[in-house]
Amino acid sequence: MSDELSTQAADLAGKAGEALRGASSEAELSAAKSHYLGKSGEITALLKAIPGLAPDQRRTAGRAINEAKKSVEALFVERRTAIADAALSASGPNPVDPSLPARSPWQGHVHVITQAWDDICDIFSSMGYSIEEGPEVETDWHCFEALNIPQGHPAREMQDTFYVDDGIVLRTHTSPVQVRTMLRKAPPLRVICPGVVYRRDNDLTHTPMFHQVEGLLVDDRVTMADLKGTLAEFARAFFGPKTKVRFRASYFPFTEPSAEVDVSCPFCTKAKGCRVCKDTGWLEILGSGMVDPEVFKALGRPEYDPNVVQGFAFGMGIDRLAMLRHGIGDLRLLFENDVRLLEQF
């Protein structure tokens, strides 16, 4: 059977060569190549037959078919160049000189926010966290009530929410993804939730649309020490191994106890203070804490009995981290697409 496939491959390579050499235009050339090497091409069909051979026959047949495929591809490139050269020669008394150096195209690259997004995901993935995503238009229950922020709670004013309809909002954080994940999956759970969020705010350090990543870990034995170790390791991986980390007591409706996390300013000379950190030597990067038992109760799932499981959560602005890492003074610059700024990174 392998000899038969090898013979067929050689015959098809010969026929393909005749078809390619006979093509007089780009369209005819492409059609000939597709006939033999396309998804339904004759040589492609031979490759699909290899798994049906005995193990000792596959190598011989595969080598013959691949050689046929390579010879057809090489001839296609050769004929395409010849057809293009012929077209240039027939273009008139002032043809384009293909030997001249081409104009250098503008080289794009990954946006500075995307760089930070990818780096954050890579760091937490290396710690065993999976990545979850959810809708940007959320219900009030997922965005607030399930997170221990009921109607009339003062924290709702801090969010500056865009309301789409009664009970429907543009999410103000990616914490609803944590809720949706817990409703789908039982503990142990270790996830991060990056995404776009919206708030009615616009100044040097805030924009109406920005990017957040929030993390959640739930298991039967989780402590504040686990949270501190995780975030300290993240800070050193993102900002550099010499980065110092401190935790300050704070308040968030969905965690108790709660803490804000600061890192030593990467722009200061010997941590003496600068305009970025306002002469404090520290920069605030995220909020965190142990998941409030009321959040587990709101899920209505026995797997998340707060007497059995504990967890910690944290959230950070990706745009802010990108600003701090690169010393960008105005958050709005990241969204203006000024190449003079973006090409620096």
Protein backbone atom coordinates (compact mmCIF):
# COMPACT_ATOMS: atom_id res chain seq x y z
CA MET A 1 0.00 0.00 0.00
CA SER A 2 2.86 2.40 0.79
CA ASP A 3 4.43 1.70 -2.65
CA GLU A 4 1.11 2.46 -4.29
CA LEU A 5 0.82 5.81 -2.46
CA SER A 6 4.42 6.66 -3.34
CA THR A 7 3.76 5.95 -7.03
CA GLN A 8 0.59 8.03 -6.96
CA ALA A 9 2.47 10.91 -5.31
CA ALA A 10 5.13 10.89 -8.03
CA ASP A 11 2.50 10.80 -10.79
CA LEU A 12 0.55 13.66 -9.24
CA ALA A 13 3.72 15.72 -8.83
CA GLY A 14 4.38 15.29 -12.55
CA LYS A 15 0.84 16.32 -13.48
CA ALA A 16 0.99 19.30 -11.12
CA GLY A 17 4.27 20.38 -12.71
CA GLU A 18 2.71 20.33 -16.17
CA ALA A 19 -0.29 22.33 -14.95
CA LEU A 20 1.87 24.94 -13.22
CA ARG A 21 4.24 25.35 -16.16
CA GLY A 22 1.26 25.77 -18.44
CA ALA A 23 -0.32 28.51 -16.32
CA SER A 24 -0.04 31.97 -17.87
CA SER A 25 -1.56 34.07 -15.10
CA GLU A 26 -1.68 34.33 -11.31
CA ALA A 27 -5.28 33.06 -11.30
CA GLU A 28 -4.45 29.95 -13.35
CA LEU A 29 -1.39 29.33 -11.19
CA SER A 30 -3.38 29.53 -7.95
CA ALA A 31 -6.12 27.28 -9.35
CA ALA A 32 -3.56 24.64 -10.32
CA LYS A 33 -1.94 24.73 -6.91
CA SER A 34 -5.30 24.49 -5.15
CA HIS A 35 -6.24 21.48 -7.30
CA TYR A 36 -3.27 19.52 -5.96
CA LEU A 37 -2.40 21.08 -2.59
CA GLY A 38 -5.67 22.67 -1.42
CA LYS A 39 -7.79 21.28 1.41
CA SER A 40 -9.48 18.94 -1.07
CA GLY A 41 -6.44 18.60 -3.34
CA GLU A 42 -5.27 15.30 -4.79
CA ILE A 43 -1.87 15.29 -3.02
CA THR A 44 -3.54 16.40 0.23
CA ALA A 45 -5.86 13.39 -0.08
CA LEU A 46 -2.83 11.09 -0.15
CA LEU A 47 -1.58 12.61 3.13
CA LYS A 48 -4.96 11.88 4.71
CA ALA A 49 -4.59 8.21 3.73
CA ILE A 50 -1.32 7.72 5.67
CA PRO A 51 -2.96 7.01 9.09
CA GLY A 52 -4.63 3.96 7.52
CA LEU A 53 -1.27 2.34 6.71
CA ALA A 54 0.62 -0.09 8.88
CA PRO A 55 3.10 1.67 11.21
CA ASP A 56 6.14 0.38 9.29
CA GLN A 57 4.76 1.71 5.98
CA ARG A 58 3.86 5.22 7.10
CA ARG A 59 7.38 6.65 7.04
CA THR A 60 8.10 5.55 3.45
CA ALA A 61 4.77 6.78 2.12
CA GLY A 62 4.93 10.00 4.11
CA ARG A 63 8.42 10.82 2.81
CA ALA A 64 7.37 10.27 -0.81
CA ILE A 65 4.21 12.35 -0.50
CA ASN A 66 6.00 15.20 1.30
CA GLU A 67 8.70 15.26 -1.38
CA ALA A 68 6.00 15.54 -4.02
CA LYS A 69 4.33 18.33 -2.06
CA LYS A 70 7.61 20.27 -1.66
CA SER A 71 8.45 19.97 -5.36
CA VAL A 72 5.03 21.35 -6.32
CA GLU A 73 5.35 24.22 -3.84
CA ALA A 74 8.85 25.09 -5.12
CA LEU A 75 7.65 25.08 -8.73
CA PHE A 76 4.68 27.26 -7.78
CA VAL A 77 7.00 29.91 -6.28
CA GLU A 78 9.28 29.73 -9.32
CA ARG A 79 6.39 30.13 -11.79
CA ARG A 80 4.80 32.97 -9.77
CA THR A 81 8.07 34.90 -9.92
CA ALA A 82 8.37 34.26 -13.65
CA ILE A 83 4.82 35.43 -14.34
CA ALA A 84 5.39 38.59 -12.25
CA ASP A 85 8.65 39.35 -14.10
CA ALA A 86 6.92 38.87 -17.43
CA ALA A 87 4.18 41.29 -16.41
CA LEU A 88 6.81 43.90 -15.47
CA SER A 89 8.61 43.52 -18.77
CA ALA A 90 5.37 44.12 -20.63
CA SER A 91 4.40 47.17 -18.56
CA GLY A 92 5.96 49.74 -20.92
CA PRO A 93 9.16 51.69 -21.42
CA ASN A 94 9.45 52.58 -17.70
CA PRO A 95 8.85 49.36 -15.81
CA VAL A 96 9.31 49.04 -12.06
CA ASP A 97 12.79 47.84 -11.17
CA PRO A 98 12.28 44.88 -8.79
CA SER A 99 15.92 45.04 -7.76
CA LEU A 100 15.45 48.35 -5.98
CA PRO A 101 15.15 48.14 -2.16
CA ALA A 102 11.53 48.14 -1.00
CA ARG A 103 10.05 50.82 1.19
CA SER A 104 10.28 49.77 4.79
CA PRO A 105 6.79 49.26 6.20
CA TRP A 106 5.93 50.74 9.57
CA GLN A 107 6.52 48.10 12.21
CA GLY A 108 3.68 47.75 14.68
CA HIS A 109 3.88 46.01 18.05
CA VAL A 110 1.76 44.98 20.97
CA HIS A 111 0.11 47.90 22.79
CA VAL A 112 1.57 48.76 26.20
CA ILE A 113 -1.70 47.81 27.95
CA THR A 114 -1.79 44.47 26.14
CA GLN A 115 1.81 43.88 27.18
CA ALA A 116 0.86 44.42 30.83
CA TRP A 117 -2.28 42.26 30.42
CA ASP A 118 -0.26 39.37 28.95
CA ASP A 119 2.47 39.65 31.59
CA ILE A 120 -0.07 39.58 34.44
CA CYS A 121 -1.81 36.53 32.98
CA ASP A 122 1.53 34.77 32.47
CA ILE A 123 2.60 35.41 36.07
CA PHE A 124 -0.60 34.09 37.60
CA SER A 125 -0.80 31.20 35.14
CA SER A 126 2.62 30.12 36.38
CA MET A 127 1.09 30.02 39.89
CA GLY A 128 -1.66 27.67 38.72
CA TYR A 129 -4.45 30.18 38.08
CA SER A 130 -6.82 29.65 35.17
CA ILE A 131 -8.21 32.57 33.14
CA GLU A 132 -11.96 33.25 33.08
CA GLU A 133 -13.95 35.85 31.13
CA GLY A 134 -17.53 37.08 31.28
CA PRO A 135 -19.99 39.58 29.76
CA GLU A 136 -19.34 43.31 29.92
CA VAL A 137 -23.07 44.05 30.24
CA GLU A 138 -24.10 42.59 33.59
CA THR A 139 -27.10 42.21 35.85
CA ASP A 140 -27.25 44.28 39.02
CA TRP A 141 -27.26 41.05 41.03
CA HIS A 142 -23.99 39.71 39.57
CA CYS A 143 -22.27 43.11 39.70
CA PHE A 144 -23.37 44.24 43.16
CA GLU A 145 -25.81 42.22 45.26
CA ALA A 146 -23.96 38.91 44.98
CA LEU A 147 -20.86 40.77 46.15
CA ASN A 148 -22.49 42.05 49.34
CA ILE A 149 -23.32 45.47 47.83
CA PRO A 150 -27.14 45.70 48.16
CA GLN A 151 -29.36 48.55 47.00
CA GLY A 152 -28.56 51.79 48.85
CA HIS A 153 -25.06 50.64 49.87
CA PRO A 154 -22.58 53.57 49.94
CA ALA A 155 -20.09 51.57 47.87
CA ARG A 156 -22.40 51.88 44.87
CA GLU A 157 -21.68 55.59 44.76
CA MET A 158 -17.95 54.83 44.59
CA GLN A 159 -18.49 52.79 41.43
CA ASP A 160 -20.09 55.60 39.32
CA THR A 161 -22.08 53.07 37.36
CA PHE A 162 -23.39 53.29 33.79
CA TYR A 163 -26.96 51.89 33.82
CA VAL A 164 -28.12 50.32 30.56
CA ASP A 165 -31.63 49.47 31.77
CA ASP A 166 -33.45 48.69 34.98
CA GLY A 167 -31.26 46.10 36.69
CA ILE A 168 -28.75 46.02 33.80
CA VAL A 169 -25.38 47.79 34.02
CA LEU A 170 -22.03 48.06 32.33
CA ARG A 171 -19.85 46.15 34.77
CA THR A 172 -17.79 48.37 37.06
CA HIS A 173 -15.31 45.60 37.89
CA THR A 174 -14.58 42.05 36.77
CA SER A 175 -15.72 40.55 40.09
CA PRO A 176 -19.00 39.37 38.46
CA VAL A 177 -16.87 36.88 36.53
CA GLN A 178 -15.78 35.43 39.89
CA VAL A 179 -19.45 35.04 40.85
CA ARG A 180 -20.31 33.37 37.55
CA THR A 181 -17.33 31.04 37.88
CA MET A 182 -18.31 29.98 41.40
CA LEU A 183 -21.86 29.30 40.19
CA ARG A 184 -20.44 26.97 37.54
CA LYS A 185 -17.55 25.32 39.35
CA ALA A 186 -17.07 23.80 42.78
CA PRO A 187 -14.02 24.50 44.94
CA PRO A 188 -11.05 24.25 45.02
CA LEU A 189 -10.92 27.23 42.68
CA ARG A 190 -8.05 29.40 41.50
CA VAL A 191 -8.89 31.93 38.77
CA ILE A 192 -8.04 35.38 37.45
CA CYS A 193 -10.56 37.45 35.50
CA PRO A 194 -9.11 40.09 33.14
CA GLY A 195 -11.37 42.36 31.12
CA VAL A 196 -12.79 45.76 30.25
CA VAL A 197 -14.81 47.69 32.87
CA TYR A 198 -16.70 50.99 32.86
CA ARG A 199 -17.13 53.85 35.34
CA ARG A 200 -18.29 57.46 35.07
CA ASP A 201 -14.87 59.00 35.65
CA ASN A 202 -12.36 60.89 33.52
CA ASP A 203 -9.16 62.62 34.66
CA LEU A 204 -5.38 62.13 34.70
CA THR A 205 -5.60 58.73 36.41
CA HIS A 206 -9.13 57.59 35.44
CA THR A 207 -10.94 56.92 32.18
CA PRO A 208 -14.58 55.91 31.55
CA MET A 209 -13.41 52.60 30.11
CA PHE A 210 -10.38 50.79 31.48
CA HIS A 211 -9.00 47.32 32.13
CA GLN A 212 -8.97 45.28 35.32
CA VAL A 213 -7.87 41.86 36.41
CA GLU A 214 -9.28 40.28 39.53
CA GLY A 215 -8.26 37.06 41.20
CA LEU A 216 -9.98 34.52 43.41
CA LEU A 217 -8.75 31.50 45.33
CA VAL A 218 -11.15 29.27 47.28
CA ASP A 219 -10.26 26.11 49.19
CA ASP A 220 -10.81 24.51 52.58
CA ARG A 221 -7.66 26.01 54.11
CA VAL A 222 -6.84 29.54 52.95
CA THR A 223 -5.34 32.27 55.11
CA MET A 224 -4.26 35.89 54.87
CA ALA A 225 -0.69 34.62 54.73
CA ASP A 226 -1.48 32.86 51.44
CA LEU A 227 -2.84 36.12 50.05
CA LYS A 228 0.20 38.14 51.14
CA GLY A 229 2.64 35.61 49.73
CA THR A 230 0.81 35.44 46.40
CA LEU A 231 0.66 39.20 45.90
CA ALA A 232 4.23 39.78 47.04
CA GLU A 233 5.42 37.21 44.52
CA PHE A 234 3.34 38.86 41.79
CA ALA A 235 4.73 42.33 42.57
CA ARG A 236 8.31 41.13 42.41
CA ALA A 237 7.67 39.29 39.13
CA PHE A 238 5.97 42.31 37.52
CA PHE A 239 8.05 45.23 38.81
CA GLY A 240 11.37 43.52 39.56
CA PRO A 241 12.96 41.23 42.17
CA LYS A 242 13.98 44.11 44.46
CA THR A 243 10.42 45.43 44.80
CA LYS A 244 9.19 45.85 48.37
CA VAL A 245 5.55 45.26 49.29
CA ARG A 246 3.42 46.55 52.15
CA PHE A 247 -0.20 45.94 53.13
CA ARG A 248 -2.49 48.62 54.59
CA ALA A 249 -5.81 47.91 56.26
CA SER A 250 -8.74 49.04 54.13
CA TYR A 251 -12.42 48.33 53.45
CA PHE A 252 -14.17 46.56 50.57
CA PRO A 253 -17.77 45.26 50.82
CA PHE A 254 -16.90 41.80 49.53
CA THR A 255 -13.78 41.06 51.61
CA GLU A 256 -13.11 41.03 55.35
CA PRO A 257 -10.44 41.70 56.46
CA SER A 258 -9.37 43.89 53.53
CA ALA A 259 -6.06 45.45 52.58
CA GLU A 260 -4.62 47.75 49.97
CA VAL A 261 -1.24 46.79 48.58
CA ASP A 262 1.62 49.21 47.93
CA VAL A 263 4.94 48.59 46.20
CA SER A 264 8.15 50.51 46.55
CA CYS A 265 8.33 53.19 43.87
CA PRO A 266 10.46 51.92 40.96
CA PHE A 267 11.32 55.49 39.90
CA CYS A 268 12.76 56.78 43.17
CA THR A 269 16.49 57.03 43.78
CA LYS A 270 17.07 55.00 46.94
CA ALA A 271 13.34 55.31 47.77
CA LYS A 272 13.71 59.00 48.67
CA GLY A 273 10.53 59.98 46.87
CA CYS A 274 9.69 61.48 43.48
CA ARG A 275 6.84 63.15 41.59
CA VAL A 276 5.34 59.77 40.63
CA CYS A 277 4.91 58.58 44.22
CA LYS A 278 4.46 62.13 45.54
CA ASP A 279 7.56 61.82 47.74
CA THR A 280 6.20 58.88 49.75
CA GLY A 281 8.38 56.17 48.25
CA TRP A 282 5.30 53.92 47.79
CA LEU A 283 2.75 53.32 45.04
CA GLU A 284 -0.68 51.74 45.60
CA ILE A 285 -1.39 49.01 43.03
CA LEU A 286 -4.38 46.94 44.17
CA GLY A 287 -7.02 46.04 46.73
CA SER A 288 -7.41 42.63 48.32
CA GLY A 289 -8.79 40.66 51.24
CA MET A 290 -10.38 37.48 52.51
CA VAL A 291 -13.72 36.73 50.83
CA ASP A 292 -16.61 37.84 53.04
CA PRO A 293 -18.80 34.85 54.09
CA GLU A 294 -21.85 36.77 52.82
CA VAL A 295 -20.52 36.41 49.28
CA PHE A 296 -20.42 32.62 49.65
CA LYS A 297 -23.91 32.60 51.16
CA ALA A 298 -25.30 34.62 48.24
CA LEU A 299 -24.30 31.84 45.83
CA GLY A 300 -26.77 29.41 47.40
CA ARG A 301 -24.46 26.46 46.74
CA PRO A 302 -23.65 23.96 49.53
CA GLU A 303 -20.13 23.55 48.10
CA TYR A 304 -19.43 27.11 49.21
CA ASP A 305 -20.49 26.75 52.81
CA PRO A 306 -18.49 29.52 54.59
CA ASN A 307 -18.03 27.20 57.55
CA VAL A 308 -16.12 24.79 55.30
CA VAL A 309 -14.31 26.90 52.67
CA GLN A 310 -12.39 30.14 52.78
CA GLY A 311 -10.93 32.28 50.04
CA PHE A 312 -9.11 35.43 49.13
CA ALA A 313 -9.70 37.90 46.31
CA PHE A 314 -7.81 40.81 44.80
CA GLY A 315 -8.27 43.32 42.01
CA MET A 316 -5.99 45.66 40.13
CA GLY A 317 -6.16 48.11 37.23
CA ILE A 318 -4.09 46.89 34.29
CA ASP A 319 -3.80 50.42 32.87
CA ARG A 320 -2.48 51.75 36.18
CA LEU A 321 0.11 48.99 36.41
CA ALA A 322 1.26 49.79 32.87
CA MET A 323 1.53 53.47 33.82
CA LEU A 324 3.56 52.75 36.92
CA ARG A 325 5.89 50.33 35.23
CA HIS A 326 6.69 52.72 32.38
CA GLY A 327 6.42 56.08 34.16
CA ILE A 328 3.51 57.42 32.08
CA GLY A 329 2.02 60.46 33.77
CA ASP A 330 -1.43 60.65 32.14
CA LEU A 331 -3.63 57.57 31.76
CA ARG A 332 -5.45 59.12 28.80
CA LEU A 333 -2.26 58.98 26.74
CA LEU A 334 -2.66 55.20 26.55
CA PHE A 335 -5.92 55.60 24.61
CA GLU A 336 -4.96 58.40 22.20
CA ASN A 337 -2.91 56.10 19.92
CA ASP A 338 -0.12 58.63 19.55
CA VAL A 339 2.63 56.66 17.84
CA ARG A 340 5.30 58.90 19.38
CA LEU A 341 4.33 57.53 22.80
CA LEU A 342 3.48 53.96 21.89
CA GLU A 343 6.65 53.28 19.88
CA GLN A 344 8.68 53.84 23.06
CA PHE A 345 7.38 50.58 24.46
